[in-house]
Amino acid sequence: MESPNRKSAQKSIAQSAVSSTNRWSTRHSLSLPPSSANSLSGSWAKENTKPSEFRLHTQQRAAQRAIFNHSVAIKSCVMEHHKKQVEKVLKVIEEEEVRMLRREMIPRAQLMPFFDKPFLPQRSTRPLTVPREPSFHLTARKYSGSRISCR
């Protein structure tokens, strides 16, 4: 039989091992002699615990995604509206250009030329050009600095 002091000491060690979270106390409590482990089986029993409430990240992520989708939808709507306005302005400009071209293309009667005065050509005052013979041969002096190669 064991002494009462030894039993109380073992119980206090077991309780400190359960309440403590560091590694040393867990190892120490597991290194008790096998005879004392049977007597402490009642103190090792865990109490029923309720799980703590937790929030999944998916709910928060779904809310963020909904906000993002909404902003993307608004941006695409604004872009479409802007595109329609630009197309409308371009269409009005193009129609105006077509109207102007059609006005210019209307055939109009041309005035009759005046045959009252006969055409008399005037002599030009510019001097005549002096013809020169072209030089088609290449001189060696001209291209000696830079070599022309076809390679």
Protein backbone atom coordinates (compact mmCIF):
# COMPACT_ATOMS: atom_id res chain seq x y z
CA MET A 1 0.00 0.00 0.00
CA GLU A 2 1.08 3.52 -0.75
CA SER A 3 1.19 6.31 1.73
CA PRO A 4 -1.51 9.05 1.61
CA ASN A 5 1.11 11.75 0.98
CA ARG A 6 2.35 9.96 -2.11
CA LYS A 7 -1.20 9.61 -3.53
CA SER A 8 -1.94 13.30 -3.06
CA ALA A 9 1.38 14.21 -4.67
CA GLN A 10 0.60 12.03 -7.69
CA LYS A 11 -2.87 13.58 -8.01
CA SER A 12 -1.44 17.10 -7.90
CA ILE A 13 1.13 16.15 -10.57
CA ALA A 14 -1.62 14.69 -12.80
CA GLN A 15 -3.83 17.77 -12.38
CA SER A 16 -0.96 20.10 -13.21
CA ALA A 17 -0.18 17.99 -16.28
CA VAL A 18 -3.78 18.28 -17.52
CA SER A 19 -4.02 22.03 -16.90
CA SER A 20 -0.56 22.83 -18.26
CA THR A 21 0.08 23.11 -21.99
CA ASN A 22 3.84 23.10 -22.25
CA ARG A 23 5.77 20.06 -23.46
CA TRP A 24 7.78 19.47 -20.33
CA SER A 25 4.79 18.95 -18.10
CA THR A 26 3.17 16.59 -20.63
CA ARG A 27 6.31 14.46 -20.83
CA HIS A 28 6.69 14.50 -17.07
CA SER A 29 3.13 13.35 -16.48
CA LEU A 30 3.53 10.51 -18.99
CA SER A 31 6.64 9.24 -17.23
CA LEU A 32 4.74 8.27 -14.07
CA PRO A 33 5.20 4.67 -12.91
CA PRO A 34 2.65 2.18 -14.35
CA SER A 35 1.22 1.35 -10.91
CA SER A 36 0.20 4.96 -10.30
CA ALA A 37 -1.33 5.33 -13.82
CA ASN A 38 -4.18 2.95 -12.89
CA SER A 39 -5.04 4.95 -9.78
CA LEU A 40 -5.17 8.25 -11.76
CA SER A 41 -7.48 7.05 -14.53
CA GLY A 42 -10.39 9.00 -13.07
CA SER A 43 -8.52 12.31 -13.14
CA TRP A 44 -7.49 11.82 -16.80
CA ALA A 45 -11.10 11.66 -18.03
CA LYS A 46 -11.96 14.74 -20.12
CA GLU A 47 -15.04 16.75 -19.53
CA ASN A 48 -17.55 17.23 -22.35
CA THR A 49 -16.73 20.43 -24.14
CA LYS A 50 -18.77 22.48 -26.53
CA PRO A 51 -17.07 23.49 -29.75
CA SER A 52 -16.36 27.17 -30.03
CA GLU A 53 -18.28 29.10 -32.66
CA PHE A 54 -16.39 29.76 -35.84
CA ARG A 55 -17.05 31.62 -39.05
CA LEU A 56 -16.09 30.17 -42.35
CA HIS A 57 -14.11 32.39 -44.66
CA THR A 58 -16.44 31.37 -47.48
CA GLN A 59 -19.23 33.65 -46.27
CA GLN A 60 -16.95 36.64 -46.14
CA ARG A 61 -15.44 35.72 -49.52
CA ALA A 62 -18.91 35.32 -51.05
CA ALA A 63 -19.86 38.80 -49.87
CA GLN A 64 -16.67 40.28 -51.32
CA ARG A 65 -17.24 38.43 -54.59
CA ALA A 66 -20.83 39.74 -54.80
CA ILE A 67 -19.55 43.31 -54.35
CA PHE A 68 -16.89 42.73 -57.01
CA ASN A 69 -19.42 41.23 -59.45
CA HIS A 70 -21.72 44.20 -58.88
CA SER A 71 -18.91 46.69 -59.58
CA VAL A 72 -17.91 44.79 -62.74
CA ALA A 73 -21.54 44.81 -63.94
CA ILE A 74 -21.77 48.57 -63.33
CA LYS A 75 -18.50 49.20 -65.20
CA SER A 76 -19.60 47.10 -68.17
CA CYS A 77 -22.95 48.92 -68.25
CA VAL A 78 -21.18 52.31 -68.22
CA MET A 79 -18.81 51.13 -70.98
CA GLU A 80 -21.73 49.97 -73.15
CA HIS A 81 -23.53 53.27 -72.60
CA HIS A 82 -20.39 55.22 -73.54
CA LYS A 83 -19.87 53.03 -76.61
CA LYS A 84 -23.46 53.61 -77.75
CA GLN A 85 -23.03 57.38 -77.34
CA VAL A 86 -19.81 57.37 -79.35
CA GLU A 87 -21.45 55.28 -82.09
CA LYS A 88 -24.43 57.66 -82.16
CA VAL A 89 -22.14 60.70 -82.52
CA LEU A 90 -20.12 59.00 -85.27
CA LYS A 91 -23.32 58.07 -87.09
CA VAL A 92 -24.57 61.68 -86.97
CA ILE A 93 -21.21 62.96 -88.27
CA GLU A 94 -21.20 60.39 -91.07
CA GLU A 95 -24.76 61.27 -92.09
CA GLU A 96 -23.83 64.96 -92.19
CA GLU A 97 -20.81 64.19 -94.40
CA VAL A 98 -23.01 62.16 -96.74
CA ARG A 99 -25.48 65.08 -96.97
CA MET A 100 -22.64 67.48 -97.80
CA LEU A 101 -21.26 65.13 -100.47
CA ARG A 102 -24.69 64.74 -102.04
CA ARG A 103 -25.11 68.51 -102.17
CA GLU A 104 -21.76 68.84 -103.92
CA MET A 105 -22.53 66.02 -106.35
CA ILE A 106 -25.68 67.67 -107.72
CA PRO A 107 -25.00 68.42 -111.38
CA ARG A 108 -25.18 72.11 -112.08
CA ALA A 109 -25.19 73.85 -115.40
CA GLN A 110 -21.83 75.27 -116.35
CA LEU A 111 -21.51 78.70 -117.82
CA MET A 112 -20.92 79.05 -121.53
CA PRO A 113 -17.34 80.05 -122.34
CA PHE A 114 -16.83 83.49 -123.79
CA PHE A 115 -16.07 83.29 -127.47
CA ASP A 116 -16.06 87.03 -127.91
CA LYS A 117 -12.29 87.34 -127.57
CA PRO A 118 -10.19 84.93 -129.57
CA PHE A 119 -7.37 83.11 -127.73
CA LEU A 120 -3.95 84.50 -128.61
CA PRO A 121 -1.02 82.64 -127.01
CA GLN A 122 1.70 84.81 -125.47
CA ARG A 123 5.41 84.21 -125.79
CA SER A 124 7.02 82.95 -122.56
CA THR A 125 9.49 85.13 -120.75
CA ARG A 126 11.44 82.22 -119.21
CA PRO A 127 14.84 81.49 -120.69
CA LEU A 128 15.30 78.30 -122.66
CA THR A 129 16.99 75.33 -120.96
CA VAL A 130 20.48 74.38 -122.07
CA PRO A 131 20.75 70.65 -122.81
CA ARG A 132 23.53 68.65 -121.14
CA GLU A 133 24.80 65.17 -121.85
CA PRO A 134 24.20 62.81 -118.93
CA SER A 135 27.17 60.98 -117.40
CA PHE A 136 26.22 57.35 -116.77
CA HIS A 137 29.68 56.00 -115.92
CA LEU A 138 30.79 55.82 -112.27
CA THR A 139 34.02 57.41 -111.35
CA ALA A 140 36.40 55.47 -109.08
CA ARG A 141 37.14 58.58 -107.04
CA LYS A 142 33.53 59.09 -106.04
CA TYR A 143 32.97 55.63 -104.47
CA SER A 144 36.48 54.73 -103.31
CA GLY A 145 35.71 55.48 -99.62
CA SER A 146 32.65 53.22 -99.38
CA ARG A 147 32.63 49.81 -100.93
CA ILE A 148 29.40 48.59 -102.43
CA SER A 149 28.96 44.87 -102.12
CA CYS A 150 26.08 42.59 -102.98
CA ARG A 151 26.86 39.94 -100.43
